[in-house]
Structure formats: structure tokens, C-alpha cells
Amino acid sequence: MKTMDSIRNAESGEIITFGTYPQTAEGTDSTPIRWRVLQNSGSELFLLSEDILDCKRYHGKSADIKWRDCVDITWRDCDLRKWLNDEFYNIAFTYQEKELIKSTYCTYNGEGTPDTEDKIFLLSVNEIQDLSEMHGKELRRAVGTDYAKKEKADGCNLYIYDKTNKNNYIIRNGEEIGCSWWWLRTQGNKPSRAFFIGTNCSVHSYANNSSARDGVRPALKINLT
């Protein structure tokens, strides 16, 4: 993790490390998490994981759940929110790091759905649209770590683009890597669906919340005061 002084001075668009999470296919490592600085207000730092860190259903834990087994659920009550603020939070951050993470009041969770307070959250549709104006649509393009790509015991298996449209790839170290879908927290065009980002930076509203192929890019805010 960077020193507090370097975190405090991090500029919008910069990549910093904070916390650790498995990123190899074996899943036995504790690799520093790369975060993109979305905003630095002087009092808080708004961060989004640069990579897709894992693959989870928006709601549902059993390997027997199929994509058509979606149920009506809100962000407040979904399994992904619980996982982010419990298992992920406790794996990724030390006690000292947790002391820096603010509780964030999350709105725009879906029409008629309740607001929440979260330590770790997903971006909303409104946030990704506003942030894309600041950082460009490339902010939406993301690839998974080797750990995120690994098929899990719960049946989740990250979708990876492997076709011909070059707009759906990221070039890293001279290598072409296929992008993946990743969840937003906003409820979709039905109560059993959620918004997600497509491989070509598009925003979609129709992912069944039981889908097991979408990735997770956590977001959080660090207290700088």
C-alpha cells in the first residue's frame, strides 16, 4: 500500500494500490489491488478497481442456479452486496486499511428501491455515466485477473470476449486481452435484472441477476482527513 501522504496526493486518473486480493489462477496469493482514482476532493478519495477482481452472481450462491432462475431483488438485499461488505471486505483489507474506508451513502440503486450505506459498493448507472464524462468511456473497458477468470465452485465463470471486434480488447504489454462484462448496482429493466457494462463500453439493463458470467469491480471511498 502507498503511504498516506502519497494516497492523499493521488490525482484523478492515477492508479494506486490499496489492500490485497487473490489474482492468480491458484488463488493462494495476496496481490496488491490496483485502483483507479476517480476523484480526489481533498477530503476523500473515490476509487474503482482497475481490474475485474472476481466473478459473482448479483444474487444467488448455489452452483445449481441457472441464469433463468432470477428473482426480484434490490441492491440492498442482494447477495453480491453482502459479499462485498463481508467476505471481500475482510479478505482484502487489514484493520488499519479498514479504518480509512468511509461508509458511502448509495443512491440511484433502481427506481423505487431503497438507498444504502456501504463500505464497498458497485457503481450505479448515474455514476458510470458521470465518470465517463470525466475519464472517457475507456473507464468502462475492463479485463479480469486470472483468479476472476477461474471457474468457481458456485458455478460462476467470467465471460471473456474472444471474437473479432478489436473494440472489445485491451492491449497490455503487447498482448491482446478480451474484455468482460461487469455488474453495476442499479436494478435493471425488471426487478429480477441488473445493469451491467458490456465489453464494448456499453451500458445494458437486462442481465438476469442470477447470471453467473459477470465480473465485479468494487468501488470505495477513503477518508483523507
Protein backbone atom coordinates (compact mmCIF):
# COMPACT_ATOMS: atom_id res chain seq x y z
CA MET A 1 0.00 0.00 0.00
CA LYS A 2 1.19 3.52 -0.68
CA THR A 3 1.98 5.81 2.23
CA MET A 4 -0.85 8.00 3.46
CA ASP A 5 0.90 11.08 2.05
CA SER A 6 1.06 9.58 -1.45
CA ILE A 7 -2.57 8.45 -1.21
CA ARG A 8 -3.64 11.91 -0.09
CA ASN A 9 -1.88 13.47 -3.09
CA ALA A 10 -3.12 10.93 -5.66
CA GLU A 11 -4.55 12.65 -8.72
CA SER A 12 -7.68 11.80 -10.68
CA GLY A 13 -6.91 9.06 -13.18
CA GLU A 14 -3.87 7.79 -11.28
CA ILE A 15 -3.50 4.10 -10.39
CA ILE A 16 -2.70 3.33 -6.74
CA THR A 17 -2.55 0.11 -4.72
CA PHE A 18 -4.60 -0.48 -1.58
CA GLY A 19 -5.49 -3.79 0.03
CA THR A 20 -4.80 -7.25 -1.42
CA TYR A 21 -6.84 -9.98 -3.11
CA PRO A 22 -6.05 -13.26 -4.91
CA GLN A 23 -5.25 -12.60 -8.56
CA THR A 24 -3.53 -15.79 -9.77
CA ALA A 25 -5.41 -18.82 -11.07
CA GLU A 26 -4.35 -20.77 -7.98
CA GLY A 27 -5.98 -18.20 -5.71
CA THR A 28 -3.37 -18.62 -2.97
CA ASP A 29 -1.73 -15.20 -3.37
CA SER A 30 -2.36 -11.85 -1.70
CA THR A 31 -1.62 -9.47 -4.56
CA PRO A 32 -1.99 -5.70 -4.11
CA ILE A 33 -5.24 -4.41 -5.63
CA ARG A 34 -4.88 -1.72 -8.28
CA TRP A 35 -7.40 1.10 -8.01
CA ARG A 36 -8.13 3.93 -10.41
CA VAL A 37 -8.62 7.28 -8.70
CA LEU A 38 -11.99 8.56 -9.89
CA GLN A 39 -11.99 11.74 -7.80
CA ASN A 40 -9.88 13.38 -5.12
CA SER A 41 -11.97 16.00 -3.32
CA GLY A 42 -9.26 16.78 -0.78
CA SER A 43 -11.29 15.13 1.97
CA GLU A 44 -11.93 11.77 0.30
CA LEU A 45 -10.60 9.58 -2.47
CA PHE A 46 -13.12 7.81 -4.73
CA LEU A 47 -11.67 4.56 -6.12
CA LEU A 48 -12.69 1.85 -8.61
CA SER A 49 -10.75 -1.38 -9.02
CA GLU A 50 -8.82 -1.22 -12.28
CA ASP A 51 -9.37 -4.92 -12.93
CA ILE A 52 -12.31 -7.26 -12.56
CA LEU A 53 -11.34 -9.00 -9.32
CA ASP A 54 -13.91 -11.80 -9.20
CA CYS A 55 -16.98 -13.27 -10.86
CA LYS A 56 -20.21 -13.44 -8.85
CA ARG A 57 -23.93 -13.53 -9.37
CA TYR A 58 -25.78 -10.37 -8.43
CA HIS A 59 -27.99 -12.68 -6.39
CA GLY A 60 -27.73 -16.40 -5.72
CA LYS A 61 -24.94 -18.59 -4.36
CA SER A 62 -25.73 -22.16 -5.38
CA ALA A 63 -23.97 -23.87 -8.29
CA ASP A 64 -27.39 -25.25 -9.26
CA ILE A 65 -28.79 -21.78 -10.05
CA LYS A 66 -29.23 -21.13 -13.77
CA TRP A 67 -29.49 -17.76 -15.49
CA ARG A 68 -33.27 -18.13 -15.83
CA ASP A 69 -33.69 -18.69 -12.06
CA CYS A 70 -33.57 -14.96 -11.31
CA VAL A 71 -35.81 -13.49 -8.61
CA ASP A 72 -36.97 -9.97 -7.81
CA ILE A 73 -34.34 -8.39 -5.55
CA THR A 74 -32.96 -4.94 -4.72
CA TRP A 75 -29.33 -3.90 -4.31
CA ARG A 76 -29.98 -3.57 -0.58
CA ASP A 77 -30.94 -7.24 -0.25
CA CYS A 78 -28.81 -8.94 -2.91
CA ASP A 79 -26.09 -11.47 -2.17
CA LEU A 80 -23.43 -9.50 -4.06
CA ARG A 81 -23.77 -6.51 -1.75
CA LYS A 82 -23.50 -8.80 1.29
CA TRP A 83 -20.41 -10.50 -0.16
CA LEU A 84 -18.67 -7.20 -0.89
CA ASN A 85 -19.25 -5.81 2.59
CA ASP A 86 -18.41 -9.01 4.43
CA GLU A 87 -16.21 -11.62 2.75
CA PHE A 88 -14.43 -9.36 0.26
CA TYR A 89 -14.03 -6.54 2.81
CA ASN A 90 -12.47 -8.87 5.36
CA ILE A 91 -10.19 -10.67 2.90
CA ALA A 92 -8.96 -7.56 1.08
CA PHE A 93 -8.19 -5.10 3.87
CA THR A 94 -6.23 -5.02 7.09
CA TYR A 95 -7.59 -3.41 10.24
CA GLN A 96 -5.57 -0.26 9.50
CA GLU A 97 -6.91 -0.10 5.93
CA LYS A 98 -10.49 -0.60 7.10
CA GLU A 99 -10.07 2.42 9.36
CA LEU A 100 -9.55 4.56 6.23
CA ILE A 101 -12.60 3.29 4.31
CA LYS A 102 -15.67 5.51 4.61
CA SER A 103 -19.29 4.44 4.67
CA THR A 104 -20.79 5.71 1.42
CA TYR A 105 -24.44 6.67 1.02
CA CYS A 106 -25.50 4.91 -2.18
CA THR A 107 -28.45 6.29 -4.17
CA TYR A 108 -29.74 5.54 -7.70
CA ASN A 109 -30.00 1.85 -6.84
CA GLY A 110 -33.06 1.48 -9.05
CA GLU A 111 -36.45 3.11 -9.37
CA GLY A 112 -38.34 2.75 -6.10
CA THR A 113 -35.52 0.81 -4.42
CA PRO A 114 -34.03 1.82 -1.05
CA ASP A 115 -30.80 3.75 -0.61
CA THR A 116 -27.97 2.01 1.25
CA GLU A 117 -24.82 2.74 3.23
CA ASP A 118 -21.88 0.62 2.16
CA LYS A 119 -18.17 0.35 2.82
CA ILE A 120 -17.71 -1.43 -0.52
CA PHE A 121 -20.14 -0.99 -3.39
CA LEU A 122 -20.64 -1.19 -7.15
CA LEU A 123 -21.04 1.90 -9.32
CA SER A 124 -24.55 2.99 -10.29
CA VAL A 125 -25.69 3.81 -13.82
CA ASN A 126 -25.64 7.51 -12.94
CA GLU A 127 -22.11 7.30 -11.56
CA ILE A 128 -20.64 5.45 -14.54
CA GLN A 129 -22.24 7.94 -16.94
CA ASP A 130 -20.94 10.96 -14.99
CA LEU A 131 -17.50 9.42 -14.51
CA SER A 132 -17.29 8.55 -18.20
CA GLU A 133 -17.69 12.25 -18.95
CA MET A 134 -14.66 12.93 -16.73
CA HIS A 135 -12.41 9.99 -17.64
CA GLY A 136 -13.70 8.89 -21.04
CA LYS A 137 -15.58 5.74 -21.94
CA GLU A 138 -12.36 3.70 -21.71
CA LEU A 139 -13.02 3.67 -17.96
CA ARG A 140 -15.74 1.12 -18.70
CA ARG A 141 -13.45 -1.32 -20.51
CA ALA A 142 -12.10 -3.97 -18.14
CA VAL A 143 -10.47 -7.38 -18.07
CA GLY A 144 -10.41 -9.97 -15.33
CA THR A 145 -7.49 -11.21 -13.29
CA ASP A 146 -6.56 -14.86 -13.69
CA TYR A 147 -8.41 -15.52 -10.44
CA ALA A 148 -11.55 -13.79 -11.73
CA LYS A 149 -11.41 -15.93 -14.87
CA LYS A 150 -11.18 -19.19 -12.96
CA GLU A 151 -14.43 -21.16 -12.76
CA LYS A 152 -15.58 -21.23 -9.13
CA ALA A 153 -17.33 -23.87 -7.03
CA ASP A 154 -20.53 -21.81 -7.16
CA GLY A 155 -20.64 -22.19 -10.95
CA CYS A 156 -19.57 -18.64 -11.76
CA ASN A 157 -17.40 -18.37 -14.87
CA LEU A 158 -16.39 -14.95 -16.20
CA TYR A 159 -17.37 -14.22 -19.81
CA ILE A 160 -14.32 -13.25 -21.89
CA TYR A 161 -14.72 -11.70 -25.33
CA ASP A 162 -12.90 -13.80 -27.95
CA LYS A 163 -14.33 -12.69 -31.28
CA THR A 164 -13.07 -10.31 -33.98
CA ASN A 165 -14.11 -6.77 -32.97
CA LYS A 166 -10.94 -5.02 -31.77
CA ASN A 167 -13.01 -2.54 -29.73
CA ASN A 168 -13.63 -5.36 -27.24
CA TYR A 169 -9.97 -5.91 -26.33
CA ILE A 170 -7.35 -4.22 -24.16
CA ILE A 171 -3.68 -4.24 -25.15
CA ARG A 172 -1.37 -4.95 -22.20
CA ASN A 173 2.36 -5.50 -22.62
CA GLY A 174 1.75 -6.01 -26.33
CA GLU A 175 -0.84 -8.73 -25.71
CA GLU A 176 -4.48 -8.57 -26.79
CA ILE A 177 -6.75 -9.45 -23.84
CA GLY A 178 -10.50 -9.89 -24.22
CA CYS A 179 -12.74 -7.69 -22.09
CA SER A 180 -15.52 -8.98 -19.84
CA TRP A 181 -18.91 -7.89 -18.57
CA TRP A 182 -19.16 -6.35 -15.10
CA TRP A 183 -22.04 -5.50 -12.79
CA LEU A 184 -23.46 -2.13 -11.81
CA ARG A 185 -25.58 -1.95 -8.66
CA THR A 186 -28.65 -0.35 -10.29
CA GLN A 187 -31.68 -2.58 -10.73
CA GLY A 188 -32.38 -3.31 -14.40
CA ASN A 189 -35.43 -3.01 -16.62
CA LYS A 190 -37.16 -5.64 -14.48
CA PRO A 191 -36.90 -6.22 -10.70
CA SER A 192 -35.16 -9.53 -11.46
CA ARG A 193 -32.44 -7.87 -13.56
CA ALA A 194 -29.48 -5.54 -13.04
CA PHE A 195 -27.48 -3.14 -15.17
CA PHE A 196 -24.06 -4.17 -16.43
CA ILE A 197 -21.25 -2.88 -18.64
CA GLY A 198 -20.68 -4.69 -21.92
CA THR A 199 -17.32 -5.48 -23.47
CA ASN A 200 -17.54 -2.51 -25.85
CA CYS A 201 -18.15 0.06 -23.06
CA SER A 202 -21.95 -0.05 -23.49
CA VAL A 203 -24.41 0.12 -20.59
CA HIS A 204 -27.12 -2.55 -20.53
CA SER A 205 -30.17 -3.03 -18.31
CA TYR A 206 -31.17 -6.62 -18.96
CA ALA A 207 -28.83 -9.04 -17.12
CA ASN A 208 -30.76 -11.62 -15.12
CA ASN A 209 -29.46 -11.21 -11.59
CA SER A 210 -28.78 -14.97 -11.45
CA SER A 211 -26.33 -14.72 -14.34
CA ALA A 212 -23.01 -16.38 -13.43
CA ARG A 213 -20.81 -14.72 -16.08
CA ASP A 214 -20.48 -11.09 -14.94
CA GLY A 215 -17.49 -9.66 -13.12
CA VAL A 216 -17.07 -7.50 -10.04
CA ARG A 217 -15.20 -4.18 -9.95
CA PRO A 218 -15.54 -2.96 -6.36
CA ALA A 219 -15.62 0.76 -5.54
CA LEU A 220 -14.92 2.53 -2.26
CA LYS A 221 -14.06 5.88 -0.71
CA ILE A 222 -11.06 6.59 1.50
CA ASN A 223 -11.20 9.25 4.20
CA LEU A 224 -8.30 11.71 3.76
CA THR A 225 -8.96 13.93 6.78
